[in-house]
Amino acid sequence: MRTTSFYRLFLALFITLLLGCDAAETSDNSQVAAKVNNVEITVHQLNQAISAMGEEALNKDQQVLRQAVLENMILQTLMENEAEKADLDREPHVMQSIEAAKRRVLASAYMQQLATISPSISETDIENYYSANTDLFANRKLFIYQQVTVESDIAKFDNAHKKVQQTEELNDFTDWLNNNAIPFKAITKAKTSENIPPSLLKPLSTLDVGQMGFINLADGLVVIQVKDKQLQPVELEMASPAIRQHLKGQQRKAQIQKTVEMLKNDAVIEYSDNFQPGSVETTEINDDALQTEASQKSYIEKGLQGLN
């Protein structure tokens, strides 16, 4: 389970609140952070620019970050002024870029408005989710395991793939890799169920302590050996807040998808001949304004942190 883009939104709002506490003192004296040739850069604009950085902003010294972002905004303002003097804002490609940015901002604002809708989650919903996901709760475990990764774009990969099927001890496999000069990455990990990708959690759950298994990936091979398993269950009462947030995220995602489909069905959309759906092979594109999932920790993962 991955987080949805709503986590990114909440994170941005959280950062804004943090910044707002610092900005409160500044606003007592002035709402202006700096002036560039009489063009004002407000504290609100500064906070907005920092909140747009997302999680990255949380890992920085806030005073240093604020000053660095402000200096960058000053440079942007100077360059913007020079661009307008040179009438670059009237260049066709610049005008098109501005319109494209406007569409993205408005689409993102609409998606964020949808995200503010608070879904109704009942206690029964929470109990059903808890019962259906025993690996995350009632049977939650701490796994200690060794992991060896062999990438598929190396020489002798096929030989390594055959060898792992004939080996029962991870050390024997790594010794064979070393003897055959095949590069690999080895690491020992200790993770609880909610922090392990589903594709890895299933084989880890089926392997006994000491057993070895492997997973074929598109870009290589992952070999694991379980060193220890420790049961660390989470009671329903403790898991409920995390489950509630996760289910809310799922409902919001479903609401967004439903709204998008409704908008498309109600609209009159006409494709030119060369752009008809199905005329070419397409791949999914994750635009910031339409993105419903992100590679961040899920509500379940975040909600269960600190229980180890």
Protein backbone atom coordinates (compact mmCIF):
# COMPACT_ATOMS: atom_id res chain seq x y z
CA MET A 1 0.00 0.00 0.00
CA ARG A 2 1.37 3.32 -1.08
CA THR A 3 0.31 6.80 -0.01
CA THR A 4 -1.96 8.82 -2.14
CA SER A 5 -1.27 12.36 -3.21
CA PHE A 6 -3.40 13.48 -0.29
CA TYR A 7 -0.43 12.72 1.95
CA ARG A 8 1.53 15.23 -0.11
CA LEU A 9 -1.25 17.77 0.33
CA PHE A 10 -1.44 17.22 4.09
CA LEU A 11 2.34 17.41 4.31
CA ALA A 12 2.33 20.75 2.49
CA LEU A 13 -0.39 22.07 4.82
CA PHE A 14 1.58 20.84 7.84
CA ILE A 15 4.69 22.67 6.66
CA THR A 16 2.65 25.79 6.04
CA LEU A 17 1.33 25.64 9.62
CA LEU A 18 4.87 25.28 10.95
CA LEU A 19 6.02 28.22 8.89
CA GLY A 20 2.96 30.18 9.90
CA CYS A 21 4.05 30.04 13.52
CA ASP A 22 7.33 31.72 12.62
CA ALA A 23 5.62 34.09 10.22
CA ALA A 24 3.20 35.28 12.90
CA GLU A 25 5.92 37.35 14.56
CA THR A 26 6.99 38.77 11.20
CA SER A 27 3.43 39.72 10.28
CA ASP A 28 3.14 41.87 13.42
CA ASN A 29 5.62 44.25 11.87
CA SER A 30 5.11 43.69 8.14
CA GLN A 31 3.62 41.21 5.69
CA VAL A 32 6.43 42.00 3.26
CA ALA A 33 9.53 39.79 3.29
CA ALA A 34 11.44 41.89 0.72
CA LYS A 35 11.03 44.52 -1.98
CA VAL A 36 12.68 44.32 -5.39
CA ASN A 37 12.48 47.64 -7.26
CA ASN A 38 9.22 48.35 -5.39
CA VAL A 39 7.85 44.88 -6.21
CA GLU A 40 6.81 43.21 -2.95
CA ILE A 41 7.54 39.61 -2.00
CA THR A 42 5.13 38.80 0.80
CA VAL A 43 5.57 36.43 3.73
CA HIS A 44 2.59 34.47 2.40
CA GLN A 45 4.30 34.00 -0.99
CA LEU A 46 7.47 32.87 0.77
CA ASN A 47 5.61 30.33 2.92
CA GLN A 48 3.71 29.07 -0.10
CA ALA A 49 6.95 28.50 -2.01
CA ILE A 50 8.42 26.54 0.91
CA SER A 51 5.28 24.43 1.45
CA ALA A 52 5.37 23.48 -2.24
CA MET A 53 8.71 21.77 -1.55
CA GLY A 54 6.90 19.06 0.42
CA GLU A 55 8.86 16.63 2.59
CA GLU A 56 12.17 18.10 1.47
CA ALA A 57 11.42 21.24 3.49
CA LEU A 58 11.06 19.26 6.74
CA ASN A 59 14.66 18.07 6.54
CA LYS A 60 16.17 21.56 6.37
CA ASP A 61 17.11 24.18 8.91
CA GLN A 62 14.03 26.41 8.69
CA GLN A 63 15.83 29.74 9.05
CA VAL A 64 18.45 28.81 6.45
CA LEU A 65 15.73 27.44 4.16
CA ARG A 66 13.57 30.57 4.41
CA GLN A 67 16.52 32.81 3.58
CA ALA A 68 17.61 30.64 0.64
CA VAL A 69 14.10 30.50 -0.82
CA LEU A 70 13.70 34.25 -0.40
CA GLU A 71 16.98 34.92 -2.21
CA ASN A 72 15.81 32.65 -5.02
CA MET A 73 12.49 34.54 -5.24
CA ILE A 74 14.40 37.83 -5.43
CA LEU A 75 16.44 36.51 -8.36
CA GLN A 76 13.26 35.29 -10.04
CA THR A 77 11.66 38.71 -9.62
CA LEU A 78 14.71 40.43 -11.13
CA MET A 79 14.69 38.08 -14.12
CA GLU A 80 10.93 38.43 -14.50
CA ASN A 81 11.31 42.21 -14.68
CA GLU A 82 14.01 41.94 -17.32
CA ALA A 83 11.94 39.46 -19.33
CA GLU A 84 8.99 41.86 -19.36
CA LYS A 85 11.23 44.73 -20.45
CA ALA A 86 12.34 42.57 -23.38
CA ASP A 87 8.69 41.71 -24.19
CA LEU A 88 9.46 38.01 -23.70
CA ASP A 89 6.02 37.59 -22.13
CA ARG A 90 4.60 38.20 -25.62
CA GLU A 91 6.62 35.47 -27.29
CA PRO A 92 4.29 32.69 -28.52
CA HIS A 93 6.15 29.85 -26.78
CA VAL A 94 6.27 31.81 -23.50
CA MET A 95 2.55 32.59 -23.68
CA GLN A 96 1.82 28.91 -24.32
CA SER A 97 3.94 27.91 -21.32
CA ILE A 98 2.11 30.42 -19.10
CA GLU A 99 -1.25 29.03 -20.22
CA ALA A 100 -0.07 25.47 -19.59
CA ALA A 101 1.09 26.44 -16.08
CA LYS A 102 -2.27 28.10 -15.46
CA ARG A 103 -4.11 24.91 -16.47
CA ARG A 104 -1.96 22.84 -14.12
CA VAL A 105 -2.49 25.21 -11.19
CA LEU A 106 -6.26 25.37 -11.67
CA ALA A 107 -6.55 21.60 -12.14
CA SER A 108 -4.46 21.05 -9.01
CA ALA A 109 -6.62 23.51 -7.05
CA TYR A 110 -9.75 21.64 -8.11
CA MET A 111 -8.23 18.31 -7.11
CA GLN A 112 -7.26 19.76 -3.73
CA GLN A 113 -10.81 21.01 -3.28
CA LEU A 114 -12.07 17.48 -3.86
CA ALA A 115 -9.50 16.23 -1.37
CA THR A 116 -11.00 18.40 1.39
CA ILE A 117 -14.23 16.38 1.29
CA SER A 118 -14.29 14.36 4.51
CA PRO A 119 -15.41 10.77 3.88
CA SER A 120 -17.54 8.97 6.46
CA ILE A 121 -15.73 5.96 7.94
CA SER A 122 -17.71 3.76 10.33
CA GLU A 123 -16.39 1.57 13.10
CA THR A 124 -17.58 -1.42 11.07
CA ASP A 125 -15.44 -0.29 8.13
CA ILE A 126 -12.42 -0.15 10.41
CA GLU A 127 -13.13 -3.55 11.95
CA ASN A 128 -13.59 -5.15 8.53
CA TYR A 129 -10.29 -3.73 7.28
CA TYR A 130 -8.54 -4.91 10.44
CA SER A 131 -9.92 -8.44 10.00
CA ALA A 132 -9.05 -8.57 6.30
CA ASN A 133 -5.41 -7.55 6.83
CA THR A 134 -4.15 -9.83 9.57
CA ASP A 135 -0.55 -9.60 8.32
CA LEU A 136 -0.56 -5.90 9.19
CA PHE A 137 -2.30 -6.18 12.55
CA ALA A 138 -3.19 -9.39 14.40
CA ASN A 139 -0.33 -11.32 12.77
CA ARG A 140 2.03 -8.37 12.37
CA LYS A 141 5.64 -9.51 12.55
CA LEU A 142 9.14 -8.15 12.74
CA PHE A 143 11.22 -9.81 10.02
CA ILE A 144 15.00 -9.95 10.21
CA TYR A 145 16.36 -11.12 6.88
CA GLN A 146 19.32 -10.98 4.55
CA GLN A 147 18.75 -9.70 1.03
CA VAL A 148 21.00 -10.13 -1.99
CA THR A 149 20.27 -8.30 -5.24
CA VAL A 150 21.70 -9.27 -8.62
CA GLU A 151 20.94 -6.95 -11.54
CA SER A 152 19.85 -8.46 -14.84
CA ASP A 153 22.01 -6.26 -17.06
CA ILE A 154 25.27 -7.88 -15.93
CA ALA A 155 27.20 -10.69 -17.59
CA LYS A 156 26.47 -14.23 -16.34
CA PHE A 157 23.07 -13.21 -14.96
CA ASP A 158 21.46 -16.30 -16.48
CA ASN A 159 24.03 -18.46 -14.71
CA ALA A 160 23.23 -16.75 -11.40
CA HIS A 161 19.53 -17.31 -11.96
CA LYS A 162 20.09 -21.03 -12.50
CA LYS A 163 22.43 -21.29 -9.52
CA VAL A 164 20.00 -19.75 -7.04
CA GLN A 165 17.44 -22.43 -7.88
CA GLN A 166 19.98 -25.09 -6.89
CA THR A 167 21.12 -23.45 -3.62
CA GLU A 168 19.61 -23.70 -0.15
CA GLU A 169 22.03 -21.47 1.81
CA LEU A 170 22.46 -17.76 1.06
CA ASN A 171 26.15 -17.85 2.03
CA ASP A 172 26.76 -20.61 -0.52
CA PHE A 173 25.11 -18.46 -3.19
CA THR A 174 27.14 -15.33 -2.35
CA ASP A 175 30.34 -17.41 -2.28
CA TRP A 176 29.48 -18.66 -5.77
CA LEU A 177 28.83 -15.09 -6.94
CA ASN A 178 32.20 -13.96 -5.59
CA ASN A 179 34.04 -16.90 -7.14
CA ASN A 180 32.48 -16.11 -10.52
CA ALA A 181 33.12 -12.35 -10.26
CA ILE A 182 29.40 -11.55 -10.47
CA PRO A 183 28.57 -8.22 -8.77
CA PHE A 184 25.79 -8.15 -6.19
CA LYS A 185 24.49 -6.10 -3.30
CA ALA A 186 23.94 -7.67 0.12
CA ILE A 187 22.21 -6.15 3.12
CA THR A 188 20.61 -7.28 6.38
CA LYS A 189 17.25 -5.70 7.19
CA ALA A 190 14.85 -5.62 10.12
CA LYS A 191 11.36 -4.48 9.16
CA THR A 192 7.82 -4.88 10.39
CA SER A 193 5.03 -6.07 8.10
CA GLU A 194 3.61 -2.65 7.18
CA ASN A 195 7.02 -1.42 6.03
CA ILE A 196 7.59 -4.28 3.59
CA PRO A 197 6.26 -4.14 0.00
CA PRO A 198 3.45 -6.66 -0.60
CA SER A 199 5.55 -8.39 -3.28
CA LEU A 200 8.17 -9.18 -0.62
CA LEU A 201 5.92 -9.61 2.41
CA LYS A 202 4.17 -12.67 0.98
CA PRO A 203 7.35 -14.74 0.42
CA LEU A 204 8.79 -13.61 3.75
CA SER A 205 5.62 -14.79 5.48
CA THR A 206 5.75 -18.20 3.83
CA LEU A 207 9.45 -18.84 4.52
CA ASP A 208 10.50 -20.40 7.81
CA VAL A 209 13.48 -19.11 9.77
CA GLY A 210 16.63 -20.21 7.95
CA GLN A 211 14.89 -20.83 4.63
CA MET A 212 15.95 -19.07 1.44
CA GLY A 213 13.80 -17.87 -1.45
CA PHE A 214 14.09 -15.62 -4.46
CA ILE A 215 11.92 -13.19 -6.42
CA ASN A 216 12.23 -12.49 -10.14
CA LEU A 217 12.00 -8.78 -10.92
CA ALA A 218 11.95 -6.97 -14.24
CA ASP A 219 15.45 -5.60 -13.61
CA GLY A 220 17.05 -8.46 -11.74
CA LEU A 221 16.85 -11.01 -8.97
CA VAL A 222 16.26 -10.61 -5.23
CA VAL A 223 17.34 -13.47 -2.97
CA ILE A 224 16.28 -13.49 0.69
CA GLN A 225 16.94 -15.64 3.71
CA VAL A 226 14.92 -15.25 6.90
CA LYS A 227 17.07 -14.95 10.01
CA ASP A 228 14.32 -14.37 12.55
CA LYS A 229 10.59 -13.68 12.90
CA GLN A 230 9.03 -12.03 15.91
CA LEU A 231 5.28 -11.65 16.37
CA GLN A 232 4.39 -8.03 17.15
CA PRO A 233 0.59 -7.77 16.91
CA VAL A 234 -1.28 -4.48 16.93
CA GLU A 235 -4.63 -4.37 18.69
CA LEU A 236 -7.66 -2.91 16.91
CA GLU A 237 -7.88 0.05 19.28
CA MET A 238 -4.30 1.08 18.57
CA ALA A 239 -4.57 0.51 14.81
CA SER A 240 -7.91 2.32 14.38
CA PRO A 241 -6.56 5.87 13.80
CA ALA A 242 -4.17 4.69 11.07
CA ILE A 243 -6.86 2.55 9.44
CA ARG A 244 -9.33 5.43 9.49
CA GLN A 245 -6.89 7.75 7.74
CA HIS A 246 -6.03 5.07 5.20
CA LEU A 247 -9.69 4.40 4.40
CA LYS A 248 -10.35 8.12 4.08
CA GLY A 249 -7.52 8.32 1.57
CA GLN A 250 -8.99 5.42 -0.38
CA GLN A 251 -12.43 7.03 -0.42
CA ARG A 252 -11.03 10.36 -1.56
CA LYS A 253 -9.13 8.65 -4.34
CA ALA A 254 -12.30 6.85 -5.45
CA GLN A 255 -14.22 10.14 -5.34
CA ILE A 256 -11.61 11.84 -7.51
CA GLN A 257 -11.66 9.01 -10.03
CA LYS A 258 -15.46 9.06 -10.10
CA THR A 259 -15.50 12.83 -10.62
CA VAL A 260 -12.94 12.66 -13.41
CA GLU A 261 -14.95 9.97 -15.19
CA MET A 262 -18.14 12.00 -14.78
CA LEU A 263 -16.47 15.11 -16.19
CA LYS A 264 -15.23 13.15 -19.20
CA ASN A 265 -18.63 11.57 -19.80
CA ASP A 266 -20.41 14.93 -19.62
CA ALA A 267 -17.90 16.70 -21.86
CA VAL A 268 -17.84 16.76 -25.66
CA ILE A 269 -14.37 15.45 -26.52
CA GLU A 270 -13.35 15.22 -30.16
CA TYR A 271 -10.05 13.67 -31.20
CA SER A 272 -8.24 14.36 -34.45
CA ASP A 273 -7.58 11.33 -36.63
CA ASN A 274 -4.00 10.82 -35.47
CA PHE A 275 -4.93 11.10 -31.80
CA GLN A 276 -7.85 8.71 -31.54
CA PRO A 277 -7.70 6.55 -28.38
CA GLY A 278 -6.15 3.21 -29.21
CA SER A 279 -4.48 4.52 -32.36
CA VAL A 280 -1.10 4.27 -30.64
CA GLU A 281 0.21 2.38 -27.62
CA THR A 282 0.08 4.65 -24.62
CA THR A 283 1.51 4.53 -21.12
CA GLU A 284 0.11 6.10 -18.00
CA ILE A 285 1.46 9.57 -17.25
CA ASN A 286 1.45 10.87 -13.69
CA ASP A 287 0.77 14.59 -13.85
CA ASP A 288 1.08 16.49 -10.58
CA ALA A 289 -2.49 17.77 -10.88
CA LEU A 290 -3.99 14.33 -11.52
CA GLN A 291 -1.66 12.15 -9.51
CA THR A 292 -3.53 10.02 -7.00
CA GLU A 293 -0.61 7.99 -5.70
CA ALA A 294 2.91 8.91 -4.67
CA SER A 295 5.96 6.99 -3.48
CA GLN A 296 5.53 8.10 0.10
CA LYS A 297 4.65 6.10 3.21
CA SER A 298 1.00 5.15 3.53
CA TYR A 299 -1.23 6.15 6.41
CA ILE A 300 -0.92 2.59 7.71
CA GLU A 301 2.89 2.76 7.63
CA LYS A 302 2.95 6.17 9.29
CA GLY A 303 0.26 5.29 11.81
CA LEU A 304 2.10 2.20 13.00
CA GLN A 305 5.51 3.85 13.31
CA GLY A 306 6.91 3.73 16.81
CA LEU A 307 5.22 0.44 17.66
CA ASN A 308 8.37 -1.64 17.04
